[in-house]
PDB file of N, CA and C in Angstrom:
ATOM      1  N   UNK A   1       0.834  -1.181   0.000  1.00  0.00           N
ATOM      2  CA  UNK A   1       0.000   0.000   0.000  1.00  0.00           C
ATOM      3  C   UNK A   1       0.883   1.250   0.000  1.00  0.00           C
ATOM      4  N   UNK A   2       0.616   2.183  -0.889  1.00  0.00           N
ATOM      5  CA  UNK A   2       1.389   3.425  -0.939  1.00  0.00           C
ATOM      6  C   UNK A   2       1.036   4.280   0.271  1.00  0.00           C
ATOM      7  N   UNK A   3       2.071   4.943   0.818  1.00  0.00           N
ATOM      8  CA  UNK A   3       1.837   5.761   2.010  1.00  0.00           C
ATOM      9  C   UNK A   3       3.066   6.611   2.302  1.00  0.00           C
ATOM     10  N   UNK A   4       2.859   7.584   3.177  1.00  0.00           N
ATOM     11  CA  UNK A   4       3.939   8.403   3.719  1.00  0.00           C
ATOM     12  C   UNK A   4       3.792   8.349   5.229  1.00  0.00           C
ATOM     13  N   UNK A   5       4.853   7.929   5.905  1.00  0.00           N
ATOM     14  CA  UNK A   5       4.796   7.735   7.354  1.00  0.00           C
ATOM     15  C   UNK A   5       5.808   8.662   8.024  1.00  0.00           C
ATOM     16  N   UNK A   6       5.320   9.752   8.625  1.00  0.00           N
ATOM     17  CA  UNK A   6       6.232  10.662   9.324  1.00  0.00           C
ATOM     18  C   UNK A   6       6.506  10.179  10.742  1.00  0.00           C
ATOM     19  N   UNK A   7       7.686  10.493  11.237  1.00  0.00           N
ATOM     20  CA  UNK A   7       7.977  10.284  12.655  1.00  0.00           C
ATOM     21  C   UNK A   7       8.893  11.415  13.110  1.00  0.00           C
ATOM     22  N   UNK A   8       9.394  11.306  14.298  1.00  0.00           N
ATOM     23  CA  UNK A   8      10.213  12.359  14.898  1.00  0.00           C
ATOM     24  C   UNK A   8      11.469  12.662  14.089  1.00  0.00           C
ATOM     25  N   UNK A   9      12.037  11.658  13.443  1.00  0.00           N
ATOM     26  CA  UNK A   9      13.319  11.833  12.758  1.00  0.00           C
ATOM     27  C   UNK A   9      13.217  12.062  11.257  1.00  0.00           C
ATOM     28  N   UNK A  10      12.082  11.714  10.661  1.00  0.00           N
ATOM     29  CA  UNK A  10      11.981  11.870   9.219  1.00  0.00           C
ATOM     30  C   UNK A  10      10.710  11.304   8.644  1.00  0.00           C
ATOM     31  N   UNK A  11      10.794  10.911   7.387  1.00  0.00           N
ATOM     32  CA  UNK A  11       9.634  10.486   6.623  1.00  0.00           C
ATOM     33  C   UNK A  11       9.971   9.224   5.849  1.00  0.00           C
ATOM     34  N   UNK A  12       9.093   8.244   5.942  1.00  0.00           N
ATOM     35  CA  UNK A  12       9.231   7.034   5.128  1.00  0.00           C
ATOM     36  C   UNK A  12       8.188   7.111   4.026  1.00  0.00           C
ATOM     37  N   UNK A  13       8.643   7.089   2.783  1.00  0.00           N
ATOM     38  CA  UNK A  13       7.761   7.146   1.621  1.00  0.00           C
ATOM     39  C   UNK A  13       7.731   5.759   0.990  1.00  0.00           C
ATOM     40  N   UNK A  14       6.534   5.189   0.894  1.00  0.00           N
ATOM     41  CA  UNK A  14       6.354   3.878   0.280  1.00  0.00           C
ATOM     42  C   UNK A  14       5.494   4.073  -0.969  1.00  0.00           C
ATOM     43  N   UNK A  15       6.089   3.868  -2.134  1.00  0.00           N
ATOM     44  CA  UNK A  15       5.370   3.946  -3.400  1.00  0.00           C
ATOM     45  C   UNK A  15       5.166   2.532  -3.931  1.00  0.00           C
ATOM     46  N   UNK A  16       4.718   2.388  -5.150  1.00  0.00           N
ATOM     47  CA  UNK A  16       4.371   1.069  -5.675  1.00  0.00           C
ATOM     48  C   UNK A  16       5.519   0.070  -5.630  1.00  0.00           C
ATOM     49  N   UNK A  17       6.695   0.461  -6.094  1.00  0.00           N
ATOM     50  CA  UNK A  17       7.813  -0.484  -6.142  1.00  0.00           C
ATOM     51  C   UNK A  17       9.040   0.003  -5.393  1.00  0.00           C
ATOM     52  N   UNK A  18       8.951   1.165  -4.773  1.00  0.00           N
ATOM     53  CA  UNK A  18      10.130   1.775  -4.168  1.00  0.00           C
ATOM     54  C   UNK A  18       9.769   2.374  -2.820  1.00  0.00           C
ATOM     55  N   UNK A  19      10.630   2.167  -1.830  1.00  0.00           N
ATOM     56  CA  UNK A  19      10.488   2.818  -0.521  1.00  0.00           C
ATOM     57  C   UNK A  19      11.742   3.627  -0.254  1.00  0.00           C
ATOM     58  N   UNK A  20      11.575   4.719   0.465  1.00  0.00           N
ATOM     59  CA  UNK A  20      12.736   5.537   0.803  1.00  0.00           C
ATOM     60  C   UNK A  20      12.539   6.150   2.180  1.00  0.00           C
ATOM     61  N   UNK A  21      13.599   6.080   2.980  1.00  0.00           N
ATOM     62  CA  UNK A  21      13.634   6.719   4.294  1.00  0.00           C
ATOM     63  C   UNK A  21      14.354   8.046   4.145  1.00  0.00           C
ATOM     64  N   UNK A  22      13.731   9.120   4.593  1.00  0.00           N
ATOM     65  CA  UNK A  22      14.326  10.451   4.503  1.00  0.00           C
ATOM     66  C   UNK A  22      14.429  11.065   5.884  1.00  0.00           C
ATOM     67  N   UNK A  23      15.506  11.785   6.130  1.00  0.00           N
ATOM     68  CA  UNK A  23      15.578  12.628   7.317  1.00  0.00           C
ATOM     69  C   UNK A  23      14.882  13.930   6.962  1.00  0.00           C
ATOM     70  N   UNK A  24      14.314  14.605   7.963  1.00  0.00           N
ATOM     71  CA  UNK A  24      13.612  15.858   7.691  1.00  0.00           C
ATOM     72  C   UNK A  24      14.501  16.861   6.955  1.00  0.00           C
ATOM     73  N   UNK A  25      15.780  16.905   7.281  1.00  0.00           N
ATOM     74  CA  UNK A  25      16.693  17.865   6.648  1.00  0.00           C
ATOM     75  C   UNK A  25      16.839  17.627   5.141  1.00  0.00           C
ATOM     76  N   UNK A  26      16.531  16.434   4.676  1.00  0.00           N
ATOM     77  CA  UNK A  26      16.635  16.132   3.251  1.00  0.00           C
ATOM     78  C   UNK A  26      15.472  16.704   2.442  1.00  0.00           C
ATOM     79  N   UNK A  27      14.365  17.016   3.095  1.00  0.00           N
ATOM     80  CA  UNK A  27      13.171  17.495   2.396  1.00  0.00           C
ATOM     81  C   UNK A  27      13.182  19.020   2.394  1.00  0.00           C
ATOM     82  N   UNK A  28      13.331  19.597   1.218  1.00  0.00           N
ATOM     83  CA  UNK A  28      13.415  21.048   1.073  1.00  0.00           C
ATOM     84  C   UNK A  28      12.028  21.662   0.913  1.00  0.00           C
ATOM     85  N   UNK A  29      11.167  21.005   0.126  1.00  0.00           N
ATOM     86  CA  UNK A  29       9.870  21.593  -0.189  1.00  0.00           C
ATOM     87  C   UNK A  29       8.873  20.507  -0.547  1.00  0.00           C
ATOM     88  N   UNK A  30       7.607  20.769  -0.241  1.00  0.00           N
ATOM     89  CA  UNK A  30       6.490  19.901  -0.610  1.00  0.00           C
ATOM     90  C   UNK A  30       5.701  20.618  -1.699  1.00  0.00           C
ATOM     91  N   UNK A  31       5.502  19.955  -2.831  1.00  0.00           N
ATOM     92  CA  UNK A  31       4.774  20.554  -3.947  1.00  0.00           C
ATOM     93  C   UNK A  31       3.546  19.705  -4.271  1.00  0.00           C
ATOM     94  N   UNK A  32       2.422  20.393  -4.520  1.00  0.00           N
ATOM     95  CA  UNK A  32       1.188  19.683  -4.874  1.00  0.00           C
ATOM     96  C   UNK A  32       0.462  20.449  -5.975  1.00  0.00           C
ATOM     97  N   UNK A  33       1.250  20.993  -6.892  1.00  0.00           N
ATOM     98  CA  UNK A  33       0.667  21.790  -7.967  1.00  0.00           C
ATOM     99  C   UNK A  33       1.202  21.350  -9.309  1.00  0.00           C
ATOM    100  N   UNK A  34       0.968  22.176 -10.292  1.00  0.00           N
ATOM    101  CA  UNK A  34       1.510  21.910 -11.616  1.00  0.00           C
ATOM    102  C   UNK A  34       0.893  20.722 -12.323  1.00  0.00           C
ATOM    103  N   UNK A  35      -0.266  20.273 -11.880  1.00  0.00           N
ATOM    104  CA  UNK A  35      -0.935  19.167 -12.535  1.00  0.00           C
ATOM    105  C   UNK A  35      -0.445  17.788 -12.144  1.00  0.00           C
ATOM    106  N   UNK A  36       0.503  17.704 -11.226  1.00  0.00           N
ATOM    107  CA  UNK A  36       0.980  16.397 -10.771  1.00  0.00           C
ATOM    108  C   UNK A  36      -0.150  15.668 -10.046  1.00  0.00           C
ATOM    109  N   UNK A  37      -0.304  14.365 -10.274  1.00  0.00           N
ATOM    110  CA  UNK A  37      -1.391  13.631  -9.611  1.00  0.00           C
ATOM    111  C   UNK A  37      -1.146  13.378  -8.124  1.00  0.00           C
ATOM    112  N   UNK A  38       0.061  13.620  -7.664  1.00  0.00           N
ATOM    113  CA  UNK A  38       0.381  13.393  -6.254  1.00  0.00           C
ATOM    114  C   UNK A  38       1.407  14.404  -5.770  1.00  0.00           C
ATOM    115  N   UNK A  39       1.650  14.397  -4.477  1.00  0.00           N
ATOM    116  CA  UNK A  39       2.653  15.273  -3.869  1.00  0.00           C
ATOM    117  C   UNK A  39       4.033  14.907  -4.401  1.00  0.00           C
ATOM    118  N   UNK A  40       4.861  15.925  -4.599  1.00  0.00           N
ATOM    119  CA  UNK A  40       6.258  15.724  -4.985  1.00  0.00           C
ATOM    120  C   UNK A  40       7.125  16.434  -3.957  1.00  0.00           C
ATOM    121  N   UNK A  41       8.133  15.733  -3.458  1.00  0.00           N
ATOM    122  CA  UNK A  41       9.087  16.322  -2.523  1.00  0.00           C
ATOM    123  C   UNK A  41      10.321  16.775  -3.284  1.00  0.00           C
ATOM    124  N   UNK A  42      10.746  17.989  -3.026  1.00  0.00           N
ATOM    125  CA  UNK A  42      12.025  18.477  -3.541  1.00  0.00           C
ATOM    126  C   UNK A  42      13.051  18.169  -2.460  1.00  0.00           C
ATOM    127  N   UNK A  43      14.095  17.423  -2.823  1.00  0.00           N
ATOM    128  CA  UNK A  43      15.090  16.975  -1.851  1.00  0.00           C
ATOM    129  C   UNK A  43      16.351  17.829  -1.914  1.00  0.00           C
ATOM    130  N   UNK A  44      17.111  17.802  -0.854  1.00  0.00           N
ATOM    131  CA  UNK A  44      18.312  18.640  -0.738  1.00  0.00           C
ATOM    132  C   UNK A  44      19.382  18.299  -1.770  1.00  0.00           C
ATOM    133  N   UNK A  45      19.339  17.108  -2.350  1.00  0.00           N
ATOM    134  CA  UNK A  45      20.313  16.735  -3.381  1.00  0.00           C
ATOM    135  C   UNK A  45      19.820  17.100  -4.786  1.00  0.00           C
ATOM    136  N   UNK A  46      18.789  17.929  -4.864  1.00  0.00           N
ATOM    137  CA  UNK A  46      18.132  18.418  -6.085  1.00  0.00           C
ATOM    138  C   UNK A  46      17.273  17.368  -6.784  1.00  0.00           C
ATOM    139  N   UNK A  47      17.149  16.203  -6.214  1.00  0.00           N
ATOM    140  CA  UNK A  47      16.253  15.188  -6.759  1.00  0.00           C
ATOM    141  C   UNK A  47      14.823  15.494  -6.324  1.00  0.00           C
ATOM    142  N   UNK A  48      13.864  14.841  -6.973  1.00  0.00           N
ATOM    143  CA  UNK A  48      12.468  14.927  -6.579  1.00  0.00           C
ATOM    144  C   UNK A  48      11.966  13.524  -6.290  1.00  0.00           C
ATOM    145  N   UNK A  49      11.022  13.425  -5.355  1.00  0.00           N
ATOM    146  CA  UNK A  49      10.452  12.137  -4.980  1.00  0.00           C
ATOM    147  C   UNK A  49       8.942  12.267  -4.924  1.00  0.00           C
ATOM    148  N   UNK A  50       8.246  11.442  -5.703  1.00  0.00           N
ATOM    149  CA  UNK A  50       6.788  11.417  -5.667  1.00  0.00           C
ATOM    150  C   UNK A  50       6.324  10.739  -4.381  1.00  0.00           C
ATOM    151  N   UNK A  51       5.240  11.253  -3.830  1.00  0.00           N
ATOM    152  CA  UNK A  51       4.600  10.641  -2.658  1.00  0.00           C
ATOM    153  C   UNK A  51       3.212  10.204  -3.124  1.00  0.00           C
ATOM    154  N   UNK A  52       3.133   8.979  -3.646  1.00  0.00           N
ATOM    155  CA  UNK A  52       1.895   8.501  -4.250  1.00  0.00           C
ATOM    156  C   UNK A  52       0.772   8.297  -3.236  1.00  0.00           C
ATOM    157  N   UNK A  53       1.104   8.304  -1.964  1.00  0.00           N
ATOM    158  CA  UNK A  53       0.096   8.137  -0.920  1.00  0.00           C
ATOM    159  C   UNK A  53      -0.747   9.379  -0.688  1.00  0.00           C
ATOM    160  N   UNK A  54      -0.356  10.514  -1.260  1.00  0.00           N
ATOM    161  CA  UNK A  54      -1.133  11.754  -1.140  1.00  0.00           C
ATOM    162  C   UNK A  54      -1.476  12.189  -2.559  1.00  0.00           C
ATOM    163  N   UNK A  55      -2.735  11.933  -2.954  1.00  0.00           N
ATOM    164  CA  UNK A  55      -3.122  12.105  -4.350  1.00  0.00           C
ATOM    165  C   UNK A  55      -4.166  13.194  -4.554  1.00  0.00           C
ATOM    166  N   UNK A  56      -4.061  13.858  -5.688  1.00  0.00           N
ATOM    167  CA  UNK A  56      -5.030  14.882  -6.087  1.00  0.00           C
ATOM    168  C   UNK A  56      -6.433  14.279  -6.227  1.00  0.00           C
ATOM    169  N   UNK A  57      -6.521  13.045  -6.655  1.00  0.00           N
ATOM    170  CA  UNK A  57      -7.820  12.388  -6.835  1.00  0.00           C
ATOM    171  C   UNK A  57      -8.598  12.270  -5.527  1.00  0.00           C
ATOM    172  N   UNK A  58      -7.922  12.412  -4.403  1.00  0.00           N
ATOM    173  CA  UNK A  58      -8.588  12.330  -3.099  1.00  0.00           C
ATOM    174  C   UNK A  58      -9.220  13.654  -2.682  1.00  0.00           C
ATOM    175  N   UNK A  59      -9.176  14.658  -3.553  1.00  0.00           N
ATOM    176  CA  UNK A  59      -9.865  15.922  -3.317  1.00  0.00           C
ATOM    177  C   UNK A  59      -9.402  16.643  -2.066  1.00  0.00           C
ATOM    178  N   UNK A  60     -10.375  17.049  -1.244  1.00  0.00           N
ATOM    179  CA  UNK A  60     -10.084  17.831  -0.036  1.00  0.00           C
ATOM    180  C   UNK A  60      -9.183  17.066   0.926  1.00  0.00           C
ATOM    181  N   UNK A  61      -9.362  15.759   1.023  1.00  0.00           N
ATOM    182  CA  UNK A  61      -8.510  14.960   1.909  1.00  0.00           C
ATOM    183  C   UNK A  61      -7.061  15.016   1.437  1.00  0.00           C
ATOM    184  N   UNK A  62      -6.832  14.868   0.135  1.00  0.00           N
ATOM    185  CA  UNK A  62      -5.478  14.944  -0.411  1.00  0.00           C
ATOM    186  C   UNK A  62      -4.843  16.302  -0.170  1.00  0.00           C
ATOM    187  N   UNK A  63      -5.623  17.366  -0.369  1.00  0.00           N
ATOM    188  CA  UNK A  63      -5.106  18.716  -0.116  1.00  0.00           C
ATOM    189  C   UNK A  63      -4.762  18.903   1.357  1.00  0.00           C
ATOM    190  N   UNK A  64      -5.606  18.383   2.243  1.00  0.00           N
ATOM    191  CA  UNK A  64      -5.343  18.504   3.683  1.00  0.00           C
ATOM    192  C   UNK A  64      -4.087  17.730   4.078  1.00  0.00           C
ATOM    193  N   UNK A  65      -3.903  16.546   3.521  1.00  0.00           N
ATOM    194  CA  UNK A  65      -2.717  15.748   3.835  1.00  0.00           C
ATOM    195  C   UNK A  65      -1.452  16.402   3.284  1.00  0.00           C
ATOM    196  N   UNK A  66      -1.546  17.002   2.102  1.00  0.00           N
ATOM    197  CA  UNK A  66      -0.400  17.729   1.540  1.00  0.00           C
ATOM    198  C   UNK A  66      -0.036  18.904   2.437  1.00  0.00           C
ATOM    199  N   UNK A  67      -1.039  19.620   2.917  1.00  0.00           N
ATOM    200  CA  UNK A  67      -0.792  20.755   3.815  1.00  0.00           C
ATOM    201  C   UNK A  67      -0.195  20.283   5.133  1.00  0.00           C
ATOM    202  N   UNK A  68      -0.675  19.163   5.638  1.00  0.00           N
ATOM    203  CA  UNK A  68      -0.136  18.615   6.889  1.00  0.00           C
ATOM    204  C   UNK A  68       1.330  18.229   6.715  1.00  0.00           C
ATOM    205  N   UNK A  69       1.660  17.585   5.596  1.00  0.00           N
ATOM    206  CA  UNK A  69       3.047  17.206   5.339  1.00  0.00           C
ATOM    207  C   UNK A  69       3.927  18.446   5.186  1.00  0.00           C
ATOM    208  N   UNK A  70       3.439  19.458   4.483  1.00  0.00           N
ATOM    209  CA  UNK A  70       4.203  20.702   4.336  1.00  0.00           C
ATOM    210  C   UNK A  70       4.451  21.350   5.694  1.00  0.00           C
ATOM    211  N   UNK A  71       3.459  21.309   6.581  1.00  0.00           N
ATOM    212  CA  UNK A  71       3.618  21.876   7.927  1.00  0.00           C
ATOM    213  C   UNK A  71       4.655  21.095   8.728  1.00  0.00           C
ATOM    214  N   UNK A  72       4.665  19.775   8.585  1.00  0.00           N
ATOM    215  CA  UNK A  72       5.672  18.960   9.273  1.00  0.00           C
ATOM    216  C   UNK A  72       7.077  19.286   8.770  1.00  0.00           C
ATOM    217  N   UNK A  73       7.220  19.423   7.464  1.00  0.00           N
ATOM    218  CA  UNK A  73       8.527  19.775   6.890  1.00  0.00           C
ATOM    219  C   UNK A  73       8.970  21.131   7.423  1.00  0.00           C
ATOM    220  N   UNK A  74       8.064  22.094   7.429  1.00  0.00           N
ATOM    221  CA  UNK A  74       8.383  23.433   7.940  1.00  0.00           C
ATOM    222  C   UNK A  74       8.798  23.368   9.411  1.00  0.00           C
ATOM    223  N   UNK A  75       8.051  22.630  10.203  1.00  0.00           N
ATOM    224  CA  UNK A  75       8.343  22.507  11.636  1.00  0.00           C
ATOM    225  C   UNK A  75       9.730  21.905  11.877  1.00  0.00           C
ATOM    226  N   UNK A  76      10.052  20.863  11.133  1.00  0.00           N
ATOM    227  CA  UNK A  76      11.318  20.157  11.357  1.00  0.00           C
ATOM    228  C   UNK A  76      12.508  20.822  10.674  1.00  0.00           C
ATOM    229  N   UNK A  77      12.265  21.858   9.868  1.00  0.00           N
ATOM    230  CA  UNK A  77      13.389  22.529   9.207  1.00  0.00           C
ATOM    231  C   UNK A  77      13.888  23.729  10.004  1.00  0.00           C
ATOM    232  N   UNK A  78      13.264  24.022  11.119  1.00  0.00           N
ATOM    233  CA  UNK A  78      13.686  25.167  11.950  1.00  0.00           C
ATOM    234  C   UNK A  78      14.937  24.860  12.707  1.00  0.00           C
TER     235      UNK A  78
END
């Protein structure tokens, strides 16, 4: 099951065939625009990572989860 699991130290992103553990410092920005079907993370190494567990198709719930993830990134980047 695709998902994003935050904890005190970082974020675990589980997509269809790939999982990745990230420290909060690695996540520079959360993007949910530009027509992408899901959230995209901009990483400190200039790479991008899709978060398929937060999808535009989920409407208001997807937008709320994207905002929650962005708030977590902001909180942990201080």
